[in-house]
Amino acid sequence: MTQDILATVERETAPNPSVSIIWMHGLGADGNDFLSIVRELDLQNCPGIRFIFPTAPTMPITFYDRYVMRAWYDILGKDLAAREDENGLRASQKRIEQLIARENARGIPSDHIILAGFSQGCAMTLQTGLRYPEKLAGLLCLSGYLPLRNFLAEERHEANTGTPIFQAHGQVDDVIQIQRAKESRDLLLAAGYQVDWHEYLMAHQVCKEELTDISQWLEKVLQGK
């Protein structure tokens, strides 16, 4: 049975954009959460971009006493690596792949598409991007981690082995400890991925210095697109 395509909010930086960025929010947020990022980034040297901000479905979250909120997958415990919602991760992966396919149908090839996300959205960026069977332009990974890491070796697709990865994290993040992010970085590096690592004196958030670094990375990754 085909899943309904996710509701999205979109912003375009120019008519007839040649690039799409699919940006996933964190736990409990929605597609409006990162709308302001479009005007906060310095995109003057980038091609026209269509920003797509999908909204995750609602579900009861085990770790928060089954409280229902928007989430890409369930949180089963404080130790994110010990128990993971594999079914939820894979279901959301398919939904994000649908959005990539829709961009393809709108004339944006996969190698002109960046997956981006914050926290749970970061996990979904890696979950989807590393397995996607066509080359993507880049993976923008903020304040998150690599999920289902024990499956990576067998499920990764060679199409995105050389895809640039921007990974950033707060040094005093009390939601997802920076050590978890560093472990994810080291696993990616050991697997042969190109990781542009950044850390900042911040909590579970985005800071001004980070926005500058993201802007510079986007300019470099999207050159000639």
C-alpha atoms as a PDB file:
ATOM      1  CA  MET A   1       0.000   0.000   0.000  1.00  0.00           C
ATOM      2  CA  THR A   2       1.398   3.401  -0.985  1.00  0.00           C
ATOM      3  CA  GLN A   3       1.866   5.859   1.863  1.00  0.00           C
ATOM      4  CA  ASP A   4       0.283   9.285   1.557  1.00  0.00           C
ATOM      5  CA  ILE A   5       2.927  11.841   0.656  1.00  0.00           C
ATOM      6  CA  LEU A   6       3.964  14.066   3.548  1.00  0.00           C
ATOM      7  CA  ALA A   7       2.528  17.553   3.906  1.00  0.00           C
ATOM      8  CA  THR A   8       5.205  20.131   3.131  1.00  0.00           C
ATOM      9  CA  VAL A   9       5.889  23.849   3.321  1.00  0.00           C
ATOM     10  CA  GLU A  10       7.968  25.244   0.460  1.00  0.00           C
ATOM     11  CA  ARG A  11      10.021  28.346  -0.221  1.00  0.00           C
ATOM     12  CA  GLU A  12      11.918  29.151  -3.428  1.00  0.00           C
ATOM     13  CA  THR A  13      14.862  31.537  -3.573  1.00  0.00           C
ATOM     14  CA  ALA A  14      14.416  32.174  -7.322  1.00  0.00           C
ATOM     15  CA  PRO A  15      11.979  31.315 -10.113  1.00  0.00           C
ATOM     16  CA  ASN A  16      12.509  27.872 -11.680  1.00  0.00           C
ATOM     17  CA  PRO A  17      15.003  26.603  -9.066  1.00  0.00           C
ATOM     18  CA  SER A  18      17.592  24.061 -10.192  1.00  0.00           C
ATOM     19  CA  VAL A  19      18.237  22.642  -6.698  1.00  0.00           C
ATOM     20  CA  SER A  20      16.002  21.234  -3.956  1.00  0.00           C
ATOM     21  CA  ILE A  21      16.782  20.956  -0.248  1.00  0.00           C
ATOM     22  CA  ILE A  22      14.494  18.618   1.704  1.00  0.00           C
ATOM     23  CA  TRP A  23      14.834  19.690   5.357  1.00  0.00           C
ATOM     24  CA  MET A  24      13.483  17.492   8.184  1.00  0.00           C
ATOM     25  CA  HIS A  25      12.531  18.946  11.572  1.00  0.00           C
ATOM     26  CA  GLY A  26      13.176  17.529  15.034  1.00  0.00           C
ATOM     27  CA  LEU A  27      10.945  15.709  17.516  1.00  0.00           C
ATOM     28  CA  GLY A  28       7.713  17.552  18.306  1.00  0.00           C
ATOM     29  CA  ALA A  29       8.183  20.253  15.674  1.00  0.00           C
ATOM     30  CA  ASP A  30       6.674  20.547  12.176  1.00  0.00           C
ATOM     31  CA  GLY A  31       7.453  21.798   8.688  1.00  0.00           C
ATOM     32  CA  ASN A  32       7.341  25.432   9.802  1.00  0.00           C
ATOM     33  CA  ASP A  33      10.135  25.017  12.339  1.00  0.00           C
ATOM     34  CA  PHE A  34      13.024  25.842  10.004  1.00  0.00           C
ATOM     35  CA  LEU A  35      11.257  28.235   7.604  1.00  0.00           C
ATOM     36  CA  SER A  36      13.313  31.147   8.910  1.00  0.00           C
ATOM     37  CA  ILE A  37      16.531  29.387   7.870  1.00  0.00           C
ATOM     38  CA  VAL A  38      15.870  30.433   4.263  1.00  0.00           C
ATOM     39  CA  ARG A  39      16.374  34.109   5.028  1.00  0.00           C
ATOM     40  CA  GLU A  40      19.055  33.515   7.684  1.00  0.00           C
ATOM     41  CA  LEU A  41      21.426  31.720   5.297  1.00  0.00           C
ATOM     42  CA  ASP A  42      23.635  33.636   2.862  1.00  0.00           C
ATOM     43  CA  LEU A  43      22.552  32.126  -0.458  1.00  0.00           C
ATOM     44  CA  GLN A  44      23.537  34.941  -2.826  1.00  0.00           C
ATOM     45  CA  ASN A  45      26.205  32.816  -4.518  1.00  0.00           C
ATOM     46  CA  CYS A  46      24.014  29.735  -4.782  1.00  0.00           C
ATOM     47  CA  PRO A  47      21.720  28.725  -7.640  1.00  0.00           C
ATOM     48  CA  GLY A  48      17.958  28.976  -7.205  1.00  0.00           C
ATOM     49  CA  ILE A  49      16.861  26.626  -4.430  1.00  0.00           C
ATOM     50  CA  ARG A  50      13.490  25.095  -3.593  1.00  0.00           C
ATOM     51  CA  PHE A  51      13.415  24.485   0.162  1.00  0.00           C
ATOM     52  CA  ILE A  52      10.983  21.732   1.124  1.00  0.00           C
ATOM     53  CA  PHE A  53      10.049  21.368   4.795  1.00  0.00           C
ATOM     54  CA  PRO A  54       7.999  18.205   5.380  1.00  0.00           C
ATOM     55  CA  THR A  55       5.944  17.574   8.511  1.00  0.00           C
ATOM     56  CA  ALA A  56       6.340  14.193  10.210  1.00  0.00           C
ATOM     57  CA  PRO A  57       3.270  12.153  11.209  1.00  0.00           C
ATOM     58  CA  THR A  58       2.052  12.041  14.814  1.00  0.00           C
ATOM     59  CA  MET A  59       2.753   9.051  17.032  1.00  0.00           C
ATOM     60  CA  PRO A  60       2.906   8.174  20.743  1.00  0.00           C
ATOM     61  CA  ILE A  61       6.479   8.490  22.037  1.00  0.00           C
ATOM     62  CA  THR A  62       7.412   5.723  24.453  1.00  0.00           C
ATOM     63  CA  PHE A  63      10.088   7.684  26.321  1.00  0.00           C
ATOM     64  CA  TYR A  64       7.630  10.528  26.999  1.00  0.00           C
ATOM     65  CA  ASP A  65       4.908   8.349  28.543  1.00  0.00           C
ATOM     66  CA  ARG A  66       3.293   7.697  25.153  1.00  0.00           C
ATOM     67  CA  TYR A  67       2.585  11.386  24.648  1.00  0.00           C
ATOM     68  CA  VAL A  68       1.464  11.910  21.047  1.00  0.00           C
ATOM     69  CA  MET A  69       3.588  14.300  19.008  1.00  0.00           C
ATOM     70  CA  ARG A  70       5.067  14.704  15.563  1.00  0.00           C
ATOM     71  CA  ALA A  71       8.026  12.395  15.110  1.00  0.00           C
ATOM     72  CA  TRP A  72       9.917  10.565  12.410  1.00  0.00           C
ATOM     73  CA  TYR A  73      10.239   7.524  14.684  1.00  0.00           C
ATOM     74  CA  ASP A  74       9.611   6.475  18.280  1.00  0.00           C
ATOM     75  CA  ILE A  75      12.104   7.134  21.090  1.00  0.00           C
ATOM     76  CA  LEU A  76      12.230   3.921  23.121  1.00  0.00           C
ATOM     77  CA  GLY A  77      14.656   5.007  25.858  1.00  0.00           C
ATOM     78  CA  LYS A  78      17.254   7.504  26.962  1.00  0.00           C
ATOM     79  CA  ASP A  79      20.051   5.483  25.347  1.00  0.00           C
ATOM     80  CA  LEU A  80      19.294   6.143  21.690  1.00  0.00           C
ATOM     81  CA  ALA A  81      21.667   3.411  20.504  1.00  0.00           C
ATOM     82  CA  ALA A  82      20.492   0.640  22.817  1.00  0.00           C
ATOM     83  CA  ARG A  83      16.937   0.333  21.483  1.00  0.00           C
ATOM     84  CA  GLU A  84      15.842   1.861  18.183  1.00  0.00           C
ATOM     85  CA  ASP A  85      12.511   2.033  16.393  1.00  0.00           C
ATOM     86  CA  GLU A  86      13.668   0.249  13.264  1.00  0.00           C
ATOM     87  CA  ASN A  87      10.183   0.052  11.739  1.00  0.00           C
ATOM     88  CA  GLY A  88       9.566   3.759  12.290  1.00  0.00           C
ATOM     89  CA  LEU A  89      12.923   4.731  10.827  1.00  0.00           C
ATOM     90  CA  ARG A  90      12.335   2.642   7.727  1.00  0.00           C
ATOM     91  CA  ALA A  91       8.775   3.925   7.260  1.00  0.00           C
ATOM     92  CA  SER A  92       9.959   7.546   7.402  1.00  0.00           C
ATOM     93  CA  GLN A  93      12.807   6.706   5.034  1.00  0.00           C
ATOM     94  CA  LYS A  94      10.245   5.607   2.448  1.00  0.00           C
ATOM     95  CA  ARG A  95       8.279   8.836   2.936  1.00  0.00           C
ATOM     96  CA  ILE A  96      11.396  10.935   2.339  1.00  0.00           C
ATOM     97  CA  GLU A  97      12.242   8.867  -0.720  1.00  0.00           C
ATOM     98  CA  GLN A  98       8.763   9.769  -2.023  1.00  0.00           C
ATOM     99  CA  LEU A  99       9.659  13.447  -1.704  1.00  0.00           C
ATOM    100  CA  ILE A 100      12.886  12.898  -3.645  1.00  0.00           C
ATOM    101  CA  ALA A 101      10.900  11.123  -6.358  1.00  0.00           C
ATOM    102  CA  ARG A 102       8.446  14.021  -6.493  1.00  0.00           C
ATOM    103  CA  GLU A 103      11.321  16.453  -7.011  1.00  0.00           C
ATOM    104  CA  ASN A 104      12.640  14.233  -9.799  1.00  0.00           C
ATOM    105  CA  ALA A 105       9.191  14.411 -11.413  1.00  0.00           C
ATOM    106  CA  ARG A 106       9.309  18.218 -11.093  1.00  0.00           C
ATOM    107  CA  GLY A 107      12.550  18.304 -13.053  1.00  0.00           C
ATOM    108  CA  ILE A 108      15.171  18.278 -10.270  1.00  0.00           C
ATOM    109  CA  PRO A 109      17.626  15.368 -10.703  1.00  0.00           C
ATOM    110  CA  SER A 110      18.783  13.499  -7.603  1.00  0.00           C
ATOM    111  CA  ASP A 111      22.289  14.936  -7.830  1.00  0.00           C
ATOM    112  CA  HIS A 112      20.731  18.399  -7.408  1.00  0.00           C
ATOM    113  CA  ILE A 113      18.964  17.413  -4.165  1.00  0.00           C
ATOM    114  CA  ILE A 114      20.322  17.900  -0.642  1.00  0.00           C
ATOM    115  CA  LEU A 115      18.814  16.115   2.341  1.00  0.00           C
ATOM    116  CA  ALA A 116      19.023  18.137   5.544  1.00  0.00           C
ATOM    117  CA  GLY A 117      17.747  17.753   9.071  1.00  0.00           C
ATOM    118  CA  PHE A 118      17.987  18.666  12.731  1.00  0.00           C
ATOM    119  CA  SER A 119      18.024  16.089  15.570  1.00  0.00           C
ATOM    120  CA  GLN A 120      15.579  13.347  14.489  1.00  0.00           C
ATOM    121  CA  GLY A 121      15.639  15.016  11.080  1.00  0.00           C
ATOM    122  CA  CYS A 122      19.424  14.591  11.021  1.00  0.00           C
ATOM    123  CA  ALA A 123      19.009  10.891  11.774  1.00  0.00           C
ATOM    124  CA  MET A 124      16.550  10.623   8.879  1.00  0.00           C
ATOM    125  CA  THR A 125      18.959  12.450   6.554  1.00  0.00           C
ATOM    126  CA  LEU A 126      21.608   9.810   7.203  1.00  0.00           C
ATOM    127  CA  GLN A 127      19.149   6.908   7.262  1.00  0.00           C
ATOM    128  CA  THR A 128      17.805   7.877   3.842  1.00  0.00           C
ATOM    129  CA  GLY A 129      20.785   9.460   2.147  1.00  0.00           C
ATOM    130  CA  LEU A 130      23.340   6.713   2.762  1.00  0.00           C
ATOM    131  CA  ARG A 131      20.947   4.095   1.354  1.00  0.00           C
ATOM    132  CA  TYR A 132      19.590   6.073  -1.581  1.00  0.00           C
ATOM    133  CA  PRO A 133      20.386   4.349  -4.908  1.00  0.00           C
ATOM    134  CA  GLU A 134      21.075   7.555  -6.851  1.00  0.00           C
ATOM    135  CA  LYS A 135      23.744  10.175  -6.222  1.00  0.00           C
ATOM    136  CA  LEU A 136      22.585  13.089  -4.060  1.00  0.00           C
ATOM    137  CA  ALA A 137      24.194  16.544  -3.914  1.00  0.00           C
ATOM    138  CA  GLY A 138      24.874  16.470  -0.170  1.00  0.00           C
ATOM    139  CA  LEU A 139      23.741  15.561   3.337  1.00  0.00           C
ATOM    140  CA  LEU A 140      23.367  18.343   5.911  1.00  0.00           C
ATOM    141  CA  CYS A 141      23.316  16.812   9.390  1.00  0.00           C
ATOM    142  CA  LEU A 142      22.641  19.030  12.416  1.00  0.00           C
ATOM    143  CA  SER A 143      22.623  17.997  16.091  1.00  0.00           C
ATOM    144  CA  GLY A 144      21.844  14.358  15.426  1.00  0.00           C
ATOM    145  CA  TYR A 145      23.394  10.948  14.936  1.00  0.00           C
ATOM    146  CA  LEU A 146      23.623   7.894  12.674  1.00  0.00           C
ATOM    147  CA  PRO A 147      20.703   5.518  13.340  1.00  0.00           C
ATOM    148  CA  LEU A 148      20.663   1.751  12.709  1.00  0.00           C
ATOM    149  CA  ARG A 149      24.440   1.885  12.485  1.00  0.00           C
ATOM    150  CA  ASN A 150      24.804  -1.901  12.626  1.00  0.00           C
ATOM    151  CA  PHE A 151      22.943  -2.145   9.320  1.00  0.00           C
ATOM    152  CA  LEU A 152      25.042   0.433   7.481  1.00  0.00           C
ATOM    153  CA  ALA A 153      27.672  -1.905   6.025  1.00  0.00           C
ATOM    154  CA  GLU A 154      25.101  -4.149   4.348  1.00  0.00           C
ATOM    155  CA  GLU A 155      22.541  -1.487   3.388  1.00  0.00           C
ATOM    156  CA  ARG A 156      24.635   1.486   2.251  1.00  0.00           C
ATOM    157  CA  HIS A 157      24.557   2.251  -1.470  1.00  0.00           C
ATOM    158  CA  GLU A 158      27.751   3.048  -3.300  1.00  0.00           C
ATOM    159  CA  ALA A 159      25.999   5.856  -5.209  1.00  0.00           C
ATOM    160  CA  ASN A 160      26.452   8.153  -2.199  1.00  0.00           C
ATOM    161  CA  THR A 161      29.813   7.039  -0.843  1.00  0.00           C
ATOM    162  CA  GLY A 162      31.384  10.238  -2.209  1.00  0.00           C
ATOM    163  CA  THR A 163      28.509  12.551  -1.322  1.00  0.00           C
ATOM    164  CA  PRO A 164      29.634  15.509   0.851  1.00  0.00           C
ATOM    165  CA  ILE A 165      28.378  15.374   4.449  1.00  0.00           C
ATOM    166  CA  PHE A 166      28.181  18.438   6.693  1.00  0.00           C
ATOM    167  CA  GLN A 167      27.883  17.340  10.321  1.00  0.00           C
ATOM    168  CA  ALA A 168      27.530  19.836  13.176  1.00  0.00           C
ATOM    169  CA  HIS A 169      26.827  19.537  16.886  1.00  0.00           C
ATOM    170  CA  GLY A 170      26.687  21.580  20.077  1.00  0.00           C
ATOM    171  CA  GLN A 171      29.399  20.953  22.650  1.00  0.00           C
ATOM    172  CA  VAL A 172      26.897  21.261  25.507  1.00  0.00           C
ATOM    173  CA  ASP A 173      23.949  19.516  23.834  1.00  0.00           C
ATOM    174  CA  ASP A 174      21.981  17.866  26.653  1.00  0.00           C
ATOM    175  CA  VAL A 175      19.451  16.170  24.353  1.00  0.00           C
ATOM    176  CA  ILE A 176      21.861  14.257  22.119  1.00  0.00           C
ATOM    177  CA  GLN A 177      25.314  14.144  23.675  1.00  0.00           C
ATOM    178  CA  ILE A 178      28.129  15.284  21.402  1.00  0.00           C
ATOM    179  CA  GLN A 179      29.928  11.992  22.044  1.00  0.00           C
ATOM    180  CA  ARG A 180      27.132  10.164  20.211  1.00  0.00           C
ATOM    181  CA  ALA A 181      27.582  12.517  17.251  1.00  0.00           C
ATOM    182  CA  LYS A 182      31.353  12.013  17.276  1.00  0.00           C
ATOM    183  CA  GLU A 183      30.877   8.241  17.290  1.00  0.00           C
ATOM    184  CA  SER A 184      28.623   8.645  14.239  1.00  0.00           C
ATOM    185  CA  ARG A 185      31.245  10.840  12.554  1.00  0.00           C
ATOM    186  CA  ASP A 186      33.972   8.292  13.200  1.00  0.00           C
ATOM    187  CA  LEU A 187      31.843   5.454  11.811  1.00  0.00           C
ATOM    188  CA  LEU A 188      31.173   7.453   8.663  1.00  0.00           C
ATOM    189  CA  LEU A 189      34.839   8.333   8.213  1.00  0.00           C
ATOM    190  CA  ALA A 190      35.858   4.704   8.725  1.00  0.00           C
ATOM    191  CA  ALA A 191      33.327   3.707   6.062  1.00  0.00           C
ATOM    192  CA  GLY A 192      34.958   6.083   3.575  1.00  0.00           C
ATOM    193  CA  TYR A 193      32.538   9.028   3.668  1.00  0.00           C
ATOM    194  CA  GLN A 194      33.615  12.673   3.363  1.00  0.00           C
ATOM    195  CA  VAL A 195      32.540  14.351   6.609  1.00  0.00           C
ATOM    196  CA  ASP A 196      32.954  18.091   7.148  1.00  0.00           C
ATOM    197  CA  TRP A 197      32.736  18.179  10.975  1.00  0.00           C
ATOM    198  CA  HIS A 198      31.853  21.291  12.997  1.00  0.00           C
ATOM    199  CA  GLU A 199      31.196  21.773  16.696  1.00  0.00           C
ATOM    200  CA  TYR A 200      30.026  24.889  18.469  1.00  0.00           C
ATOM    201  CA  LEU A 201      29.646  26.162  22.025  1.00  0.00           C
ATOM    202  CA  MET A 202      25.876  25.705  22.045  1.00  0.00           C
ATOM    203  CA  ALA A 203      23.148  23.366  23.302  1.00  0.00           C
ATOM    204  CA  HIS A 204      20.543  21.514  21.175  1.00  0.00           C
ATOM    205  CA  GLN A 205      20.039  24.394  18.764  1.00  0.00           C
ATOM    206  CA  VAL A 206      21.458  26.263  15.772  1.00  0.00           C
ATOM    207  CA  CYS A 207      23.829  29.217  16.176  1.00  0.00           C
ATOM    208  CA  LYS A 208      24.927  32.128  13.987  1.00  0.00           C
ATOM    209  CA  GLU A 209      28.432  30.753  13.381  1.00  0.00           C
ATOM    210  CA  GLU A 210      26.875  27.492  12.250  1.00  0.00           C
ATOM    211  CA  LEU A 211      24.649  29.317   9.758  1.00  0.00           C
ATOM    212  CA  THR A 212      27.740  30.948   8.261  1.00  0.00           C
ATOM    213  CA  ASP A 213      29.447  27.571   7.897  1.00  0.00           C
ATOM    214  CA  ILE A 214      26.329  26.022   6.349  1.00  0.00           C
ATOM    215  CA  SER A 215      26.116  28.900   3.862  1.00  0.00           C
ATOM    216  CA  GLN A 216      29.727  28.389   2.795  1.00  0.00           C
ATOM    217  CA  TRP A 217      29.236  24.630   2.491  1.00  0.00           C
ATOM    218  CA  LEU A 218      26.109  25.065   0.366  1.00  0.00           C
ATOM    219  CA  GLU A 219      27.923  27.466  -1.937  1.00  0.00           C
ATOM    220  CA  LYS A 220      30.727  24.938  -2.418  1.00  0.00           C
ATOM    221  CA  VAL A 221      28.487  21.889  -2.835  1.00  0.00           C
ATOM    222  CA  LEU A 222      26.065  23.596  -5.215  1.00  0.00           C
ATOM    223  CA  GLN A 223      28.661  25.233  -7.442  1.00  0.00           C
ATOM    224  CA  GLY A 224      27.697  24.641 -11.051  1.00  0.00           C
ATOM    225  CA  LYS A 225      24.289  23.090 -10.235  1.00  0.00           C
END
